C-alpha atoms as a PDB file:
ATOM      1  CA  MET A   1       4.252  30.405  24.456  1.00  0.00           C
ATOM      2  CA  GLU A   2       7.170  32.206  22.893  1.00  0.00           C
ATOM      3  CA  SER A   3       6.528  34.568  20.005  1.00  0.00           C
ATOM      4  CA  TYR A   4       8.639  34.823  16.851  1.00  0.00           C
ATOM      5  CA  SER A   5       9.416  37.638  14.466  1.00  0.00           C
ATOM      6  CA  PRO A   6      10.009  36.831  10.771  1.00  0.00           C
ATOM      7  CA  ARG A   7      13.766  36.914  11.238  1.00  0.00           C
ATOM      8  CA  ASP A   8      13.570  34.507  14.218  1.00  0.00           C
ATOM      9  CA  ILE A   9      11.949  31.675  12.234  1.00  0.00           C
ATOM     10  CA  ASN A  10      14.406  28.762  12.243  1.00  0.00           C
ATOM     11  CA  TYR A  11      12.028  25.763  11.966  1.00  0.00           C
ATOM     12  CA  ASP A  12      13.031  24.045  15.203  1.00  0.00           C
ATOM     13  CA  PHE A  13      10.365  22.159  17.191  1.00  0.00           C
ATOM     14  CA  PRO A  14       9.030  25.057  19.338  1.00  0.00           C
ATOM     15  CA  CYS A  15       9.052  27.336  16.303  1.00  0.00           C
ATOM     16  CA  VAL A  16       7.088  24.855  14.160  1.00  0.00           C
ATOM     17  CA  GLN A  17       4.555  24.450  16.988  1.00  0.00           C
ATOM     18  CA  TRP A  18       4.166  28.249  17.168  1.00  0.00           C
ATOM     19  CA  ILE A  19       3.718  28.463  13.391  1.00  0.00           C
ATOM     20  CA  TRP A  20       0.986  25.798  13.415  1.00  0.00           C
ATOM     21  CA  THR A  21      -0.717  27.476  16.376  1.00  0.00           C
ATOM     22  CA  ASN A  22      -0.869  30.722  14.366  1.00  0.00           C
ATOM     23  CA  ILE A  23      -1.344  29.163  10.920  1.00  0.00           C
ATOM     24  CA  CYS A  24      -4.698  30.799  10.149  1.00  0.00           C
ATOM     25  CA  ALA A  25      -3.355  34.333  10.685  1.00  0.00           C
ATOM     26  CA  LEU A  26      -0.202  33.546   8.702  1.00  0.00           C
ATOM     27  CA  GLN A  27      -2.189  32.133   5.767  1.00  0.00           C
ATOM     28  CA  GLU A  28      -4.180  35.376   5.683  1.00  0.00           C
ATOM     29  CA  GLY A  29      -0.917  37.325   5.447  1.00  0.00           C
ATOM     30  CA  ARG A  30      -0.997  38.668   9.011  1.00  0.00           C
ATOM     31  CA  TRP A  31       1.929  38.188  11.368  1.00  0.00           C
ATOM     32  CA  PRO A  32       0.680  37.473  14.913  1.00  0.00           C
ATOM     33  CA  GLU A  33       1.365  40.304  17.316  1.00  0.00           C
ATOM     34  CA  SER A  34       4.377  39.614  19.517  1.00  0.00           C
ATOM     35  CA  ASN A  35       3.541  42.446  21.897  1.00  0.00           C
ATOM     36  CA  PRO A  36      -0.174  42.495  22.796  1.00  0.00           C
ATOM     37  CA  SER A  37      -0.011  46.112  23.925  1.00  0.00           C
ATOM     38  CA  GLY A  38       1.202  47.217  20.492  1.00  0.00           C
ATOM     39  CA  TYR A  39       4.414  48.328  18.893  1.00  0.00           C
ATOM     40  CA  ILE A  40       6.486  50.946  20.688  1.00  0.00           C
ATOM     41  CA  ASP A  41       9.028  52.787  18.580  1.00  0.00           C
ATOM     42  CA  GLN A  42      12.200  53.782  20.389  1.00  0.00           C
ATOM     43  CA  PRO A  43      13.512  57.225  19.481  1.00  0.00           C
ATOM     44  CA  GLY A  44      16.685  57.253  17.424  1.00  0.00           C
ATOM     45  CA  MET A  45      16.235  53.623  16.290  1.00  0.00           C
ATOM     46  CA  ARG A  46      15.698  52.960  12.592  1.00  0.00           C
ATOM     47  CA  SER A  47      14.569  49.661  11.251  1.00  0.00           C
ATOM     48  CA  GLN A  48      16.095  48.169   8.167  1.00  0.00           C
ATOM     49  CA  GLY A  49      13.792  48.183   5.168  1.00  0.00           C
ATOM     50  CA  SER A  50      12.601  45.022   3.510  1.00  0.00           C
ATOM     51  CA  SER A  51      12.230  44.252  -0.158  1.00  0.00           C
ATOM     52  CA  ARG A  52       9.122  42.148   0.524  1.00  0.00           C
ATOM     53  CA  ALA A  53       5.518  43.156   0.984  1.00  0.00           C
ATOM     54  CA  ASN A  54       4.296  43.182   4.591  1.00  0.00           C
ATOM     55  CA  PHE A  55       2.154  40.066   4.088  1.00  0.00           C
ATOM     56  CA  GLU A  56       4.739  38.072   2.120  1.00  0.00           C
ATOM     57  CA  ASN A  57       6.796  36.686   5.028  1.00  0.00           C
ATOM     58  CA  ALA A  58       3.697  35.379   6.784  1.00  0.00           C
ATOM     59  CA  CYS A  59       2.420  33.646   3.637  1.00  0.00           C
ATOM     60  CA  LEU A  60       5.834  32.106   2.900  1.00  0.00           C
ATOM     61  CA  VAL A  61       6.179  30.669   6.417  1.00  0.00           C
ATOM     62  CA  ALA A  62       2.639  29.232   6.306  1.00  0.00           C
ATOM     63  CA  ALA A  63       3.296  27.704   2.879  1.00  0.00           C
ATOM     64  CA  GLU A  64       6.579  26.150   4.042  1.00  0.00           C
ATOM     65  CA  VAL A  65       5.032  24.299   6.998  1.00  0.00           C
ATOM     66  CA  GLY A  66       2.137  23.276   4.751  1.00  0.00           C
ATOM     67  CA  ILE A  67       4.562  21.740   2.251  1.00  0.00           C
ATOM     68  CA  ARG A  68       6.444  19.982   5.045  1.00  0.00           C
ATOM     69  CA  ALA A  69       3.186  18.526   6.410  1.00  0.00           C
ATOM     70  CA  LYS A  70       1.980  17.378   2.971  1.00  0.00           C
ATOM     71  CA  ARG A  71       5.149  15.317   2.581  1.00  0.00           C
ATOM     72  CA  CYS A  72       3.977  13.264   5.595  1.00  0.00           C
ATOM     73  CA  GLY A  73       0.839  11.916   3.934  1.00  0.00           C
ATOM     74  CA  LEU A  74      -2.073  11.080   6.250  1.00  0.00           C
ATOM     75  CA  ASP A  75      -0.114  12.165   9.308  1.00  0.00           C
ATOM     76  CA  GLY A  76       0.307  15.631   7.796  1.00  0.00           C
ATOM     77  CA  PHE A  77      -3.427  15.717   7.139  1.00  0.00           C
ATOM     78  CA  LEU A  78      -4.016  15.106  10.871  1.00  0.00           C
ATOM     79  CA  VAL A  79      -1.916  18.170  11.708  1.00  0.00           C
ATOM     80  CA  THR A  80      -4.017  20.381   9.449  1.00  0.00           C
ATOM     81  CA  GLU A  81      -7.165  18.922  11.017  1.00  0.00           C
ATOM     82  CA  LYS A  82      -5.905  19.942  14.453  1.00  0.00           C
ATOM     83  CA  TYR A  83      -4.573  23.411  13.734  1.00  0.00           C
ATOM     84  CA  VAL A  84      -6.623  24.662  10.768  1.00  0.00           C
ATOM     85  CA  ARG A  85      -9.987  23.140  11.679  1.00  0.00           C
ATOM     86  CA  GLY A  86      -9.297  23.508  15.416  1.00  0.00           C
ATOM     87  CA  LEU A  87     -10.197  19.931  16.339  1.00  0.00           C
ATOM     88  CA  SER A  88      -8.781  18.140  19.371  1.00  0.00           C
ATOM     89  CA  GLU A  89      -6.975  14.822  19.064  1.00  0.00           C
ATOM     90  CA  GLU A  90     -10.045  13.071  20.502  1.00  0.00           C
ATOM     91  CA  GLN A  91     -12.359  14.666  17.927  1.00  0.00           C
ATOM     92  CA  ILE A  92     -10.004  13.749  15.081  1.00  0.00           C
ATOM     93  CA  ALA A  93      -9.743  10.175  16.370  1.00  0.00           C
ATOM     94  CA  LYS A  94     -13.511   9.839  16.604  1.00  0.00           C
ATOM     95  CA  GLU A  95     -14.089  11.397  13.182  1.00  0.00           C
ATOM     96  CA  ARG A  96     -11.402   9.305  11.453  1.00  0.00           C
ATOM     97  CA  HIS A  97     -11.956   6.078  13.432  1.00  0.00           C
ATOM     98  CA  LEU A  98      -8.515   6.148  15.040  1.00  0.00           C
ATOM     99  CA  ILE A  99      -7.171   5.960  18.597  1.00  0.00           C
ATOM    100  CA  ALA A 100      -6.613   9.354  20.299  1.00  0.00           C
ATOM    101  CA  GLU A 101      -3.128   8.444  21.566  1.00  0.00           C
ATOM    102  CA  ASP A 102      -2.146   7.379  18.056  1.00  0.00           C
ATOM    103  CA  VAL A 103      -3.395  10.697  16.631  1.00  0.00           C
ATOM    104  CA  TYR A 104      -1.390  12.627  19.247  1.00  0.00           C
ATOM    105  CA  ARG A 105       1.752  10.602  18.476  1.00  0.00           C
ATOM    106  CA  ARG A 106       1.377  11.008  14.715  1.00  0.00           C
ATOM    107  CA  ILE A 107       0.866  14.770  14.983  1.00  0.00           C
ATOM    108  CA  ASN A 108       4.023  15.095  17.086  1.00  0.00           C
ATOM    109  CA  ARG A 109       5.969  13.015  14.549  1.00  0.00           C
ATOM    110  CA  VAL A 110       4.961  15.398  11.771  1.00  0.00           C
ATOM    111  CA  LEU A 111       6.020  18.372  13.890  1.00  0.00           C
ATOM    112  CA  GLY A 112       9.350  16.628  14.568  1.00  0.00           C
ATOM    113  CA  TYR A 113       9.902  15.831  10.889  1.00  0.00           C
ATOM    114  CA  SER A 114       8.985  19.393   9.934  1.00  0.00           C
ATOM    115  CA  ALA A 115      11.346  20.822  12.549  1.00  0.00           C
ATOM    116  CA  SER A 116      14.470  20.177  10.510  1.00  0.00           C
ATOM    117  CA  GLY A 117      15.870  23.684  10.472  1.00  0.00           C
ATOM    118  CA  ARG A 118      15.953  26.004   7.500  1.00  0.00           C
ATOM    119  CA  THR A 119      16.723  23.164   5.076  1.00  0.00           C
ATOM    120  CA  PRO A 120      13.917  20.576   4.816  1.00  0.00           C
ATOM    121  CA  ARG A 121      14.817  16.950   5.533  1.00  0.00           C
ATOM    122  CA  TRP A 122      13.957  15.799   2.020  1.00  0.00           C
ATOM    123  CA  ARG A 123      16.469  18.165   0.412  1.00  0.00           C
ATOM    124  CA  LYS A 124      20.004  16.810   0.159  1.00  0.00           C
ATOM    125  CA  THR A 125      22.762  19.155   1.332  1.00  0.00           C
ATOM    126  CA  ARG A 126      26.472  18.824   1.858  1.00  0.00           C
ATOM    127  CA  TRP A 127      25.900  18.097   5.555  1.00  0.00           C
ATOM    128  CA  LYS A 128      22.962  15.720   5.450  1.00  0.00           C
ATOM    129  CA  LYS A 129      21.325  13.293   3.082  1.00  0.00           C
ATOM    130  CA  ALA A 130      17.698  13.555   2.034  1.00  0.00           C
ATOM    131  CA  GLN A 131      15.117  11.613   4.063  1.00  0.00           C
ATOM    132  CA  THR A 132      11.487  10.875   3.380  1.00  0.00           C
ATOM    133  CA  TYR A 133       9.027  10.867   6.268  1.00  0.00           C
ATOM    134  CA  LYS A 134       8.989   7.061   6.273  1.00  0.00           C
ATOM    135  CA  GLN A 135      12.812   6.872   6.319  1.00  0.00           C
ATOM    136  CA  TRP A 136      12.925   9.423   9.148  1.00  0.00           C
ATOM    137  CA  CYS A 137      10.358   7.472  11.208  1.00  0.00           C
ATOM    138  CA  ASP A 138      12.274   4.229  10.618  1.00  0.00           C
ATOM    139  CA  ALA A 139      15.582   5.866  11.615  1.00  0.00           C
ATOM    140  CA  LYS A 140      14.004   7.182  14.828  1.00  0.00           C
ATOM    141  CA  GLY A 141      12.641   3.722  15.614  1.00  0.00           C
ATOM    142  CA  TYR A 142       8.999   4.745  15.353  1.00  0.00           C
ATOM    143  CA  ARG A 143       6.697   1.910  14.427  1.00  0.00           C
ATOM    144  CA  ARG A 144       4.115   3.091  11.991  1.00  0.00           C
ATOM    145  CA  LYS A 145       0.886   1.178  11.942  1.00  0.00           C
ATOM    146  CA  VAL A 146      -0.808   1.057   8.597  1.00  0.00           C
ATOM    147  CA  ILE A 147      -4.313   2.165   9.455  1.00  0.00           C
ATOM    148  CA  LYS A 148      -6.992   2.967   6.954  1.00  0.00           C
ATOM    149  CA  ALA A 149      -8.702   6.078   8.181  1.00  0.00           C
ATOM    150  CA  ASN A 150     -11.905   7.694   7.043  1.00  0.00           C
ATOM    151  CA  LEU A 151     -10.690  10.695   5.031  1.00  0.00           C
ATOM    152  CA  SER A 152     -14.022  11.864   3.681  1.00  0.00           C
ATOM    153  CA  PHE A 153     -15.272  15.292   4.649  1.00  0.00           C
END
């Protein structure tokens, strides 16, 4: 899987998947290592300073995808179940009395809705109108089943 630096975060689909895969480290304020062998400084190269604390970018990115998922209601809750609690789609389906394929589909819809670029879908800009998760699903032709799931912990 591709790795991202703070300046590479653009909230497209692969980027949002990477963020959710590394959400626990980001919420703790740690940026996942892009080079497992460690950082190698090249002589003569200077990095540009930042006005933010070293943990701030990680926390901001984690908070942004969390906000985007919360706007999706129950479907957003399923994403946090998968990536924060580390449950598989089958475990979530069994725990919440859902169908595994439906859980997988709903998680991917949330990732797709969240992958709207730097400007979230629900914010109106000059180039696009605001869309709720339901409006986005309807526009994509997704049929959403209204299923009452067990949300107790």
